[in-house]
Amino acid sequence: MGGTLPPDKNGYDYTFGWQFGTPFNQKWDISYPENIAELFQEYND
């Protein structure tokens, strides 16, 4: 939340996303590069 919430106090986030549905239709955490979807697509190809 812009640095106002320590990650360990978030109480919710499942950063990886693969556990639920597909991460390719979800927003990504800023810890990932902005082009993460393209990088995964290149890898998968």
All heavy atoms as atom14 arrays in JSON, in Angstrom:
{
  "sequence": "MGGTLPPDKNGYDYTFGWQFGTPFNQKWDISYPENIAELFQEYND",
  "atom14_mask": [
    [1, 1, 1, 1, 1, 1, 1, 1, 0, 0, 0, 0, 0, 0],
    [1, 1, 1, 1, 0, 0, 0, 0, 0, 0, 0, 0, 0, 0],
    [1, 1, 1, 1, 0, 0, 0, 0, 0, 0, 0, 0, 0, 0],
    [1, 1, 1, 1, 1, 1, 1, 0, 0, 0, 0, 0, 0, 0],
    [1, 1, 1, 1, 1, 1, 1, 1, 0, 0, 0, 0, 0, 0],
    [1, 1, 1, 1, 1, 1, 1, 0, 0, 0, 0, 0, 0, 0],
    [1, 1, 1, 1, 1, 1, 1, 0, 0, 0, 0, 0, 0, 0],
    [1, 1, 1, 1, 1, 1, 1, 1, 0, 0, 0, 0, 0, 0],
    [1, 1, 1, 1, 1, 1, 1, 1, 1, 0, 0, 0, 0, 0],
    [1, 1, 1, 1, 1, 1, 1, 1, 0, 0, 0, 0, 0, 0],
    [1, 1, 1, 1, 0, 0, 0, 0, 0, 0, 0, 0, 0, 0],
    [1, 1, 1, 1, 1, 1, 1, 1, 1, 1, 1, 1, 0, 0],
    [1, 1, 1, 1, 1, 1, 1, 1, 0, 0, 0, 0, 0, 0],
    [1, 1, 1, 1, 1, 1, 1, 1, 1, 1, 1, 1, 0, 0],
    [1, 1, 1, 1, 1, 1, 1, 0, 0, 0, 0, 0, 0, 0],
    [1, 1, 1, 1, 1, 1, 1, 1, 1, 1, 1, 0, 0, 0],
    [1, 1, 1, 1, 0, 0, 0, 0, 0, 0, 0, 0, 0, 0],
    [1, 1, 1, 1, 1, 1, 1, 1, 1, 1, 1, 1, 1, 1],
    [1, 1, 1, 1, 1, 1, 1, 1, 1, 0, 0, 0, 0, 0],
    [1, 1, 1, 1, 1, 1, 1, 1, 1, 1, 1, 0, 0, 0],
    [1, 1, 1, 1, 0, 0, 0, 0, 0, 0, 0, 0, 0, 0],
    [1, 1, 1, 1, 1, 1, 1, 0, 0, 0, 0, 0, 0, 0],
    [1, 1, 1, 1, 1, 1, 1, 0, 0, 0, 0, 0, 0, 0],
    [1, 1, 1, 1, 1, 1, 1, 1, 1, 1, 1, 0, 0, 0],
    [1, 1, 1, 1, 1, 1, 1, 1, 0, 0, 0, 0, 0, 0],
    [1, 1, 1, 1, 1, 1, 1, 1, 1, 0, 0, 0, 0, 0],
    [1, 1, 1, 1, 1, 1, 1, 1, 1, 0, 0, 0, 0, 0],
    [1, 1, 1, 1, 1, 1, 1, 1, 1, 1, 1, 1, 1, 1],
    [1, 1, 1, 1, 1, 1, 1, 1, 0, 0, 0, 0, 0, 0],
    [1, 1, 1, 1, 1, 1, 1, 1, 0, 0, 0, 0, 0, 0],
    [1, 1, 1, 1, 1, 1, 0, 0, 0, 0, 0, 0, 0, 0],
    [1, 1, 1, 1, 1, 1, 1, 1, 1, 1, 1, 1, 0, 0],
    [1, 1, 1, 1, 1, 1, 1, 0, 0, 0, 0, 0, 0, 0],
    [1, 1, 1, 1, 1, 1, 1, 1, 1, 0, 0, 0, 0, 0],
    [1, 1, 1, 1, 1, 1, 1, 1, 0, 0, 0, 0, 0, 0],
    [1, 1, 1, 1, 1, 1, 1, 1, 0, 0, 0, 0, 0, 0],
    [1, 1, 1, 1, 1, 0, 0, 0, 0, 0, 0, 0, 0, 0],
    [1, 1, 1, 1, 1, 1, 1, 1, 1, 0, 0, 0, 0, 0],
    [1, 1, 1, 1, 1, 1, 1, 1, 0, 0, 0, 0, 0, 0],
    [1, 1, 1, 1, 1, 1, 1, 1, 1, 1, 1, 0, 0, 0],
    [1, 1, 1, 1, 1, 1, 1, 1, 1, 0, 0, 0, 0, 0],
    [1, 1, 1, 1, 1, 1, 1, 1, 1, 0, 0, 0, 0, 0],
    [1, 1, 1, 1, 1, 1, 1, 1, 1, 1, 1, 1, 0, 0],
    [1, 1, 1, 1, 1, 1, 1, 1, 0, 0, 0, 0, 0, 0],
    [1, 1, 1, 1, 1, 1, 1, 1, 0, 0, 0, 0, 0, 0]
  ],
  "atom14_positions": [
    [[0.85, -1.2, 0.0], [0.0, 0.0, 0.0], [0.88, 1.25, 0.0], [0.73, 2.16, 0.82], [-0.95, 0.01, 1.2], [-1.83, -1.21, 1.31], [-3.29, -1.13, 0.29], [-4.19, 0.2, 1.03], [0.0, 0.0, 0.0], [0.0, 0.0, 0.0], [0.0, 0.0, 0.0], [0.0, 0.0, 0.0], [0.0, 0.0, 0.0], [0.0, 0.0, 0.0]],
    [[1.84, 1.29, -0.94], [2.72, 2.45, -1.04], [3.68, 2.58, 0.11], [4.14, 3.66, 0.44], [0.0, 0.0, 0.0], [0.0, 0.0, 0.0], [0.0, 0.0, 0.0], [0.0, 0.0, 0.0], [0.0, 0.0, 0.0], [0.0, 0.0, 0.0], [0.0, 0.0, 0.0], [0.0, 0.0, 0.0], [0.0, 0.0, 0.0], [0.0, 0.0, 0.0]],
    [[4.02, 1.46, 0.71], [4.98, 1.45, 1.81], [4.35, 1.65, 3.18], [5.04, 1.68, 4.18], [0.0, 0.0, 0.0], [0.0, 0.0, 0.0], [0.0, 0.0, 0.0], [0.0, 0.0, 0.0], [0.0, 0.0, 0.0], [0.0, 0.0, 0.0], [0.0, 0.0, 0.0], [0.0, 0.0, 0.0], [0.0, 0.0, 0.0], [0.0, 0.0, 0.0]],
    [[3.04, 1.79, 3.24], [2.36, 2.01, 4.53], [1.99, 0.71, 5.22], [1.59, 0.73, 6.38], [1.09, 2.86, 4.34], [0.17, 2.13, 3.52], [1.41, 4.2, 3.71], [0.0, 0.0, 0.0], [0.0, 0.0, 0.0], [0.0, 0.0, 0.0], [0.0, 0.0, 0.0], [0.0, 0.0, 0.0], [0.0, 0.0, 0.0], [0.0, 0.0, 0.0]],
    [[2.11, -0.41, 4.52], [1.72, -1.7, 5.08], [2.87, -2.68, 4.91], [3.24, -3.01, 3.78], [0.48, -2.22, 4.35], [-0.1, -3.56, 4.79], [-0.66, -3.44, 6.21], [-1.2, -3.99, 3.83], [0.0, 0.0, 0.0], [0.0, 0.0, 0.0], [0.0, 0.0, 0.0], [0.0, 0.0, 0.0], [0.0, 0.0, 0.0], [0.0, 0.0, 0.0]],
    [[3.47, -3.14, 6.02], [4.55, -4.13, 5.89], [4.0, -5.4, 5.22], [2.89, -5.83, 5.53], [4.97, -4.42, 7.33], [4.44, -3.28, 8.14], [3.22, -2.79, 7.42], [0.0, 0.0, 0.0], [0.0, 0.0, 0.0], [0.0, 0.0, 0.0], [0.0, 0.0, 0.0], [0.0, 0.0, 0.0], [0.0, 0.0, 0.0], [0.0, 0.0, 0.0]],
    [[4.75, -5.99, 4.27], [4.25, -7.19, 3.56], [3.8, -8.29, 4.49], [2.81, -8.97, 4.22], [5.44, -7.63, 2.71], [6.27, -6.41, 2.54], [6.08, -5.6, 3.79], [0.0, 0.0, 0.0], [0.0, 0.0, 0.0], [0.0, 0.0, 0.0], [0.0, 0.0, 0.0], [0.0, 0.0, 0.0], [0.0, 0.0, 0.0], [0.0, 0.0, 0.0]],
    [[4.48, -8.46, 5.62], [4.09, -9.53, 6.55], [2.82, -9.19, 7.33], [2.25, -10.04, 8.0], [5.23, -9.89, 7.49], [5.64, -8.74, 8.4], [5.46, -7.57, 8.01], [6.14, -9.01, 9.5], [0.0, 0.0, 0.0], [0.0, 0.0, 0.0], [0.0, 0.0, 0.0], [0.0, 0.0, 0.0], [0.0, 0.0, 0.0], [0.0, 0.0, 0.0]],
    [[2.35, -7.96, 7.24], [1.12, -7.54, 7.91], [-0.05, -7.44, 6.94], [-1.14, -7.05, 7.29], [1.31, -6.19, 8.6], [2.41, -6.17, 9.64], [2.06, -7.03, 10.82], [3.13, -6.9, 11.88], [3.26, -8.05, 12.71], [0.0, 0.0, 0.0], [0.0, 0.0, 0.0], [0.0, 0.0, 0.0], [0.0, 0.0, 0.0], [0.0, 0.0, 0.0]],
    [[0.2, -7.77, 5.68], [-0.84, -7.67, 4.66], [-2.02, -8.56, 5.0], [-3.17, -8.18, 4.82], [-0.25, -8.02, 3.29], [-1.27, -8.05, 2.19], [-2.06, -8.98, 2.12], [-1.26, -7.04, 1.34], [0.0, 0.0, 0.0], [0.0, 0.0, 0.0], [0.0, 0.0, 0.0], [0.0, 0.0, 0.0], [0.0, 0.0, 0.0], [0.0, 0.0, 0.0]],
    [[-1.75, -9.77, 5.47], [-2.81, -10.65, 5.92], [-3.57, -11.36, 4.82], [-4.55, -12.04, 5.08], [0.0, 0.0, 0.0], [0.0, 0.0, 0.0], [0.0, 0.0, 0.0], [0.0, 0.0, 0.0], [0.0, 0.0, 0.0], [0.0, 0.0, 0.0], [0.0, 0.0, 0.0], [0.0, 0.0, 0.0], [0.0, 0.0, 0.0], [0.0, 0.0, 0.0]],
    [[-3.13, -11.2, 3.57], [-3.93, -11.8, 2.52], [-3.12, -12.35, 1.35], [-3.32, -13.46, 0.92], [-4.95, -10.8, 1.97], [-5.9, -11.48, 1.01], [-7.02, -12.13, 1.5], [-5.64, -11.55, -0.35], [-7.87, -12.81, 0.66], [-6.48, -12.22, -1.19], [-7.6, -12.85, -0.69], [-8.42, -13.53, -1.52], [0.0, 0.0, 0.0], [0.0, 0.0, 0.0]],
    [[-2.23, -11.57, 0.83], [-1.66, -11.76, -0.5], [-1.07, -13.15, -0.78], [-0.3, -13.67, 0.01], [-0.56, -10.72, -0.72], [-0.13, -10.63, -2.14], [-0.9, -10.12, -2.95], [0.97, -11.12, -2.46], [0.0, 0.0, 0.0], [0.0, 0.0, 0.0], [0.0, 0.0, 0.0], [0.0, 0.0, 0.0], [0.0, 0.0, 0.0], [0.0, 0.0, 0.0]],
    [[-1.45, -13.71, -1.92], [-0.87, -14.93, -2.47], [-0.07, -14.52, -3.69], [-0.53, -14.63, -4.82], [-1.96, -15.93, -2.85], [-2.68, -16.48, -1.65], [-3.86, -15.93, -1.21], [-2.13, -17.54, -0.94], [-4.51, -16.43, -0.1], [-2.77, -18.04, 0.18], [-3.96, -17.49, 0.59], [-4.58, -17.99, 1.7], [0.0, 0.0, 0.0], [0.0, 0.0, 0.0]],
    [[1.12, -14.03, -3.49], [1.9, -13.39, -4.53], [2.08, -14.24, -5.77], [1.98, -13.75, -6.88], [3.28, -12.98, -3.98], [3.07, -12.08, -2.89], [4.11, -12.29, -5.03], [0.0, 0.0, 0.0], [0.0, 0.0, 0.0], [0.0, 0.0, 0.0], [0.0, 0.0, 0.0], [0.0, 0.0, 0.0], [0.0, 0.0, 0.0], [0.0, 0.0, 0.0]],
    [[2.34, -15.53, -5.63], [2.67, -16.33, -6.8], [1.48, -16.48, -7.74], [1.63, -16.44, -8.94], [3.22, -17.7, -6.4], [4.47, -17.58, -5.59], [4.5, -17.93, -4.26], [5.62, -17.08, -6.16], [5.65, -17.81, -3.51], [6.79, -16.95, -5.43], [6.8, -17.3, -4.1], [0.0, 0.0, 0.0], [0.0, 0.0, 0.0], [0.0, 0.0, 0.0]],
    [[0.29, -16.72, -7.25], [-0.91, -16.74, -8.06], [-1.26, -18.03, -8.75], [-2.41, -18.22, -9.14], [0.0, 0.0, 0.0], [0.0, 0.0, 0.0], [0.0, 0.0, 0.0], [0.0, 0.0, 0.0], [0.0, 0.0, 0.0], [0.0, 0.0, 0.0], [0.0, 0.0, 0.0], [0.0, 0.0, 0.0], [0.0, 0.0, 0.0], [0.0, 0.0, 0.0]],
    [[-0.33, -18.92, -8.93], [-0.62, -20.15, -9.66], [-1.56, -21.06, -8.89], [-2.15, -21.97, -9.47], [0.67, -20.91, -10.01], [1.56, -21.17, -8.84], [2.65, -20.43, -8.46], [1.46, -22.22, -7.87], [3.21, -20.95, -7.32], [2.49, -22.06, -6.94], [0.58, -23.28, -7.7], [2.68, -22.91, -5.86], [0.77, -24.13, -6.62], [1.82, -23.94, -5.73]],
    [[-1.73, -20.84, -7.61], [-2.61, -21.69, -6.81], [-4.08, -21.5, -7.19], [-4.89, -22.37, -6.96], [-2.48, -21.4, -5.31], [-1.1, -21.5, -4.76], [-0.41, -20.15, -4.69], [-0.52, -19.32, -5.58], [0.34, -19.92, -3.64], [0.0, 0.0, 0.0], [0.0, 0.0, 0.0], [0.0, 0.0, 0.0], [0.0, 0.0, 0.0], [0.0, 0.0, 0.0]],
    [[-4.4, -20.34, -7.73], [-5.79, -19.99, -7.98], [-5.95, -19.53, -9.42], [-5.5, -18.45, -9.77], [-6.25, -18.89, -7.03], [-6.01, -19.2, -5.6], [-5.0, -18.58, -4.9], [-6.77, -20.16, -4.95], [-4.77, -18.88, -3.57], [-6.54, -20.47, -3.62], [-5.53, -19.84, -2.93], [0.0, 0.0, 0.0], [0.0, 0.0, 0.0], [0.0, 0.0, 0.0]],
    [[-6.61, -20.32, -10.22], [-6.84, -19.9, -11.59], [-5.54, -19.75, -12.34], [-4.6, -20.51, -12.15], [0.0, 0.0, 0.0], [0.0, 0.0, 0.0], [0.0, 0.0, 0.0], [0.0, 0.0, 0.0], [0.0, 0.0, 0.0], [0.0, 0.0, 0.0], [0.0, 0.0, 0.0], [0.0, 0.0, 0.0], [0.0, 0.0, 0.0], [0.0, 0.0, 0.0]],
    [[-5.47, -18.75, -13.16], [-4.26, -18.49, -13.93], [-3.72, -17.11, -13.58], [-4.49, -16.15, -13.53], [-4.51, -18.57, -15.45], [-3.33, -18.14, -16.14], [-5.68, -17.73, -15.89], [0.0, 0.0, 0.0], [0.0, 0.0, 0.0], [0.0, 0.0, 0.0], [0.0, 0.0, 0.0], [0.0, 0.0, 0.0], [0.0, 0.0, 0.0], [0.0, 0.0, 0.0]],
    [[-2.43, -16.97, -13.34], [-1.89, -15.64, -13.03], [-1.88, -14.72, -14.25], [-1.63, -13.54, -14.13], [-0.47, -15.93, -12.55], [-0.12, -17.25, -13.11], [-1.41, -18.01, -13.22], [0.0, 0.0, 0.0], [0.0, 0.0, 0.0], [0.0, 0.0, 0.0], [0.0, 0.0, 0.0], [0.0, 0.0, 0.0], [0.0, 0.0, 0.0], [0.0, 0.0, 0.0]],
    [[-2.19, -15.25, -15.43], [-2.11, -14.45, -16.64], [-3.34, -13.57, -16.87], [-3.39, -12.82, -17.83], [-1.82, -15.34, -17.84], [-0.48, -16.0, -17.72], [-0.38, -17.34, -17.42], [0.68, -15.27, -17.85], [0.85, -17.94, -17.26], [1.92, -15.85, -17.69], [2.01, -17.2, -17.4], [0.0, 0.0, 0.0], [0.0, 0.0, 0.0], [0.0, 0.0, 0.0]],
    [[-4.34, -13.67, -16.01], [-5.44, -12.71, -16.09], [-5.57, -11.94, -14.78], [-6.6, -11.4, -14.47], [-6.77, -13.42, -16.43], [-7.36, -14.16, -15.26], [-6.65, -14.56, -14.35], [-8.66, -14.34, -15.26], [0.0, 0.0, 0.0], [0.0, 0.0, 0.0], [0.0, 0.0, 0.0], [0.0, 0.0, 0.0], [0.0, 0.0, 0.0], [0.0, 0.0, 0.0]],
    [[-4.48, -11.9, -14.02], [-4.47, -11.2, -12.74], [-3.38, -10.14, -12.77], [-2.43, -10.24, -13.55], [-4.17, -12.2, -11.62], [-5.09, -13.38, -11.57], [-4.55, -14.5, -10.7], [-3.52, -14.38, -10.06], [-5.25, -15.62, -10.69], [0.0, 0.0, 0.0], [0.0, 0.0, 0.0], [0.0, 0.0, 0.0], [0.0, 0.0, 0.0], [0.0, 0.0, 0.0]],
    [[-3.51, -9.17, -11.91], [-2.44, -8.18, -11.78], [-1.26, -8.82, -11.05], [-1.43, -9.71, -10.22], [-2.95, -6.96, -11.02], [-4.0, -6.2, -11.81], [-4.41, -4.93, -11.11], [-5.43, -4.22, -11.97], [-5.72, -2.88, -11.48], [0.0, 0.0, 0.0], [0.0, 0.0, 0.0], [0.0, 0.0, 0.0], [0.0, 0.0, 0.0], [0.0, 0.0, 0.0]],
    [[-0.07, -8.35, -11.37], [1.17, -8.88, -10.78], [1.69, -7.92, -9.72], [1.55, -6.71, -9.83], [2.23, -9.05, -11.87], [1.9, -10.12, -12.86], [1.09, -10.0, -13.95], [2.35, -11.45, -12.84], [1.02, -11.19, -14.61], [1.78, -12.11, -13.96], [3.18, -12.18, -12.0], [2.02, -13.44, -14.25], [3.42, -13.51, -12.29], [2.85, -14.12, -13.4]],
    [[2.35, -8.46, -8.72], [3.0, -7.65, -7.7], [4.14, -6.86, -8.35], [4.78, -7.32, -9.29], [3.56, -8.57, -6.6], [4.13, -7.78, -5.45], [3.34, -7.35, -4.6], [5.36, -7.58, -5.42], [0.0, 0.0, 0.0], [0.0, 0.0, 0.0], [0.0, 0.0, 0.0], [0.0, 0.0, 0.0], [0.0, 0.0, 0.0], [0.0, 0.0, 0.0]],
    [[4.4, -5.66, -7.82], [5.46, -4.8, -8.38], [6.84, -5.41, -8.23], [7.79, -4.91, -8.83], [5.44, -3.38, -7.78], [5.6, -3.43, -6.26], [4.19, -2.63, -8.2], [5.79, -2.08, -5.6], [0.0, 0.0, 0.0], [0.0, 0.0, 0.0], [0.0, 0.0, 0.0], [0.0, 0.0, 0.0], [0.0, 0.0, 0.0], [0.0, 0.0, 0.0]],
    [[6.98, -6.48, -7.47], [8.27, -7.14, -7.36], [8.64, -7.87, -8.66], [9.78, -8.26, -8.85], [8.29, -8.11, -6.19], [7.33, -9.13, -6.38], [0.0, 0.0, 0.0], [0.0, 0.0, 0.0], [0.0, 0.0, 0.0], [0.0, 0.0, 0.0], [0.0, 0.0, 0.0], [0.0, 0.0, 0.0], [0.0, 0.0, 0.0], [0.0, 0.0, 0.0]],
    [[7.66, -8.06, -9.54], [7.91, -8.69, -10.85], [8.14, -7.6, -11.88], [7.59, -6.51, -11.78], [6.7, -9.53, -11.28], [6.49, -10.76, -10.44], [5.61, -10.75, -9.36], [7.15, -11.94, -10.74], [5.41, -11.88, -8.6], [6.95, -13.08, -9.98], [6.09, -13.04, -8.91], [5.89, -14.16, -8.16], [0.0, 0.0, 0.0], [0.0, 0.0, 0.0]],
    [[8.91, -7.9, -12.94], [9.07, -6.92, -14.01], [7.72, -6.62, -14.67], [6.84, -7.47, -14.7], [10.01, -7.6, -15.01], [10.48, -8.85, -14.38], [9.63, -9.14, -13.19], [0.0, 0.0, 0.0], [0.0, 0.0, 0.0], [0.0, 0.0, 0.0], [0.0, 0.0, 0.0], [0.0, 0.0, 0.0], [0.0, 0.0, 0.0], [0.0, 0.0, 0.0]],
    [[7.58, -5.41, -15.19], [6.32, -5.04, -15.84], [5.98, -5.97, -16.99], [4.8, -6.17, -17.29], [6.39, -3.6, -16.34], [6.26, -2.57, -15.24], [6.16, -1.17, -15.79], [5.3, -0.93, -16.65], [6.95, -0.32, -15.34], [0.0, 0.0, 0.0], [0.0, 0.0, 0.0], [0.0, 0.0, 0.0], [0.0, 0.0, 0.0], [0.0, 0.0, 0.0]],
    [[6.96, -6.53, -17.65], [6.71, -7.39, -18.81], [6.74, -8.88, -18.44], [7.04, -9.73, -19.28], [7.73, -7.1, -19.91], [9.15, -7.49, -19.51], [9.49, -7.56, -18.33], [9.99, -7.74, -20.51], [0.0, 0.0, 0.0], [0.0, 0.0, 0.0], [0.0, 0.0, 0.0], [0.0, 0.0, 0.0], [0.0, 0.0, 0.0], [0.0, 0.0, 0.0]],
    [[6.37, -9.21, -17.21], [6.45, -10.6, -16.73], [5.62, -11.55, -17.6], [6.04, -12.67, -17.88], [6.07, -10.72, -15.24], [6.35, -12.13, -14.71], [4.64, -10.33, -15.0], [7.79, -12.49, -14.61], [0.0, 0.0, 0.0], [0.0, 0.0, 0.0], [0.0, 0.0, 0.0], [0.0, 0.0, 0.0], [0.0, 0.0, 0.0], [0.0, 0.0, 0.0]],
    [[4.45, -11.12, -18.04], [3.61, -11.99, -18.88], [4.33, -12.32, -20.18], [4.31, -13.48, -20.63], [2.26, -11.34, -19.14], [0.0, 0.0, 0.0], [0.0, 0.0, 0.0], [0.0, 0.0, 0.0], [0.0, 0.0, 0.0], [0.0, 0.0, 0.0], [0.0, 0.0, 0.0], [0.0, 0.0, 0.0], [0.0, 0.0, 0.0], [0.0, 0.0, 0.0]],
    [[4.97, -11.34, -20.79], [5.71, -11.59, -22.03], [6.9, -12.51, -21.78], [7.2, -13.39, -22.6], [6.18, -10.27, -22.66], [5.08, -9.4, -23.22], [4.41, -8.54, -22.15], [5.0, -8.32, -21.07], [3.26, -8.11, -22.39], [0.0, 0.0, 0.0], [0.0, 0.0, 0.0], [0.0, 0.0, 0.0], [0.0, 0.0, 0.0], [0.0, 0.0, 0.0]],
    [[7.58, -12.32, -20.65], [8.72, -13.19, -20.32], [8.26, -14.64, -20.14], [8.92, -15.57, -20.61], [9.42, -12.7, -19.05], [10.13, -11.35, -19.17], [10.62, -10.89, -17.8], [11.28, -11.42, -20.16], [0.0, 0.0, 0.0], [0.0, 0.0, 0.0], [0.0, 0.0, 0.0], [0.0, 0.0, 0.0], [0.0, 0.0, 0.0], [0.0, 0.0, 0.0]],
    [[7.13, -14.84, -19.47], [6.59, -16.19, -19.31], [6.18, -16.77, -20.67], [6.4, -17.95, -20.93], [5.39, -16.2, -18.37], [5.76, -16.41, -16.93], [5.51, -15.42, -15.99], [6.35, -17.59, -16.51], [5.85, -15.6, -14.67], [6.69, -17.78, -15.18], [6.43, -16.79, -14.26], [0.0, 0.0, 0.0], [0.0, 0.0, 0.0], [0.0, 0.0, 0.0]],
    [[5.58, -15.95, -21.52], [5.18, -16.44, -22.84], [6.39, -16.87, -23.65], [6.37, -17.93, -24.29], [4.38, -15.37, -23.6], [3.75, -15.88, -24.86], [2.75, -17.0, -24.6], [1.87, -16.86, -23.78], [2.92, -18.13, -25.27], [0.0, 0.0, 0.0], [0.0, 0.0, 0.0], [0.0, 0.0, 0.0], [0.0, 0.0, 0.0], [0.0, 0.0, 0.0]],
    [[7.46, -16.08, -23.63], [8.7, -16.46, -24.31], [9.23, -17.78, -23.77], [9.63, -18.67, -24.54], [9.77, -15.38, -24.13], [9.56, -14.13, -24.92], [10.6, -13.07, -24.6], [11.73, -13.43, -24.16], [10.3, -11.88, -24.77], [0.0, 0.0, 0.0], [0.0, 0.0, 0.0], [0.0, 0.0, 0.0], [0.0, 0.0, 0.0], [0.0, 0.0, 0.0]],
    [[9.24, -17.91, -22.47], [9.71, -19.14, -21.82], [8.84, -20.33, -22.25], [9.35, -21.38, -22.64], [9.67, -18.96, -20.31], [10.05, -20.18, -19.52], [11.38, -20.54, -19.37], [9.09, -20.99, -18.94], [11.75, -21.66, -18.64], [9.43, -22.11, -18.21], [10.76, -22.44, -18.07], [11.11, -23.57, -17.36], [0.0, 0.0, 0.0], [0.0, 0.0, 0.0]],
    [[7.53, -20.17, -22.19], [6.62, -21.25, -22.57], [6.75, -21.61, -24.04], [6.65, -22.78, -24.41], [5.18, -20.87, -22.25], [4.9, -20.87, -20.76], [5.62, -21.49, -19.99], [3.88, -20.15, -20.35], [0.0, 0.0, 0.0], [0.0, 0.0, 0.0], [0.0, 0.0, 0.0], [0.0, 0.0, 0.0], [0.0, 0.0, 0.0], [0.0, 0.0, 0.0]],
    [[6.98, -20.62, -24.9], [7.13, -20.89, -26.33], [8.37, -21.72, -26.64], [8.43, -22.4, -27.67], [7.19, -19.58, -27.12], [5.86, -18.86, -27.19], [4.82, -19.51, -26.9], [5.85, -17.66, -27.53], [0.0, 0.0, 0.0], [0.0, 0.0, 0.0], [0.0, 0.0, 0.0], [0.0, 0.0, 0.0], [0.0, 0.0, 0.0], [0.0, 0.0, 0.0]]
  ]
}
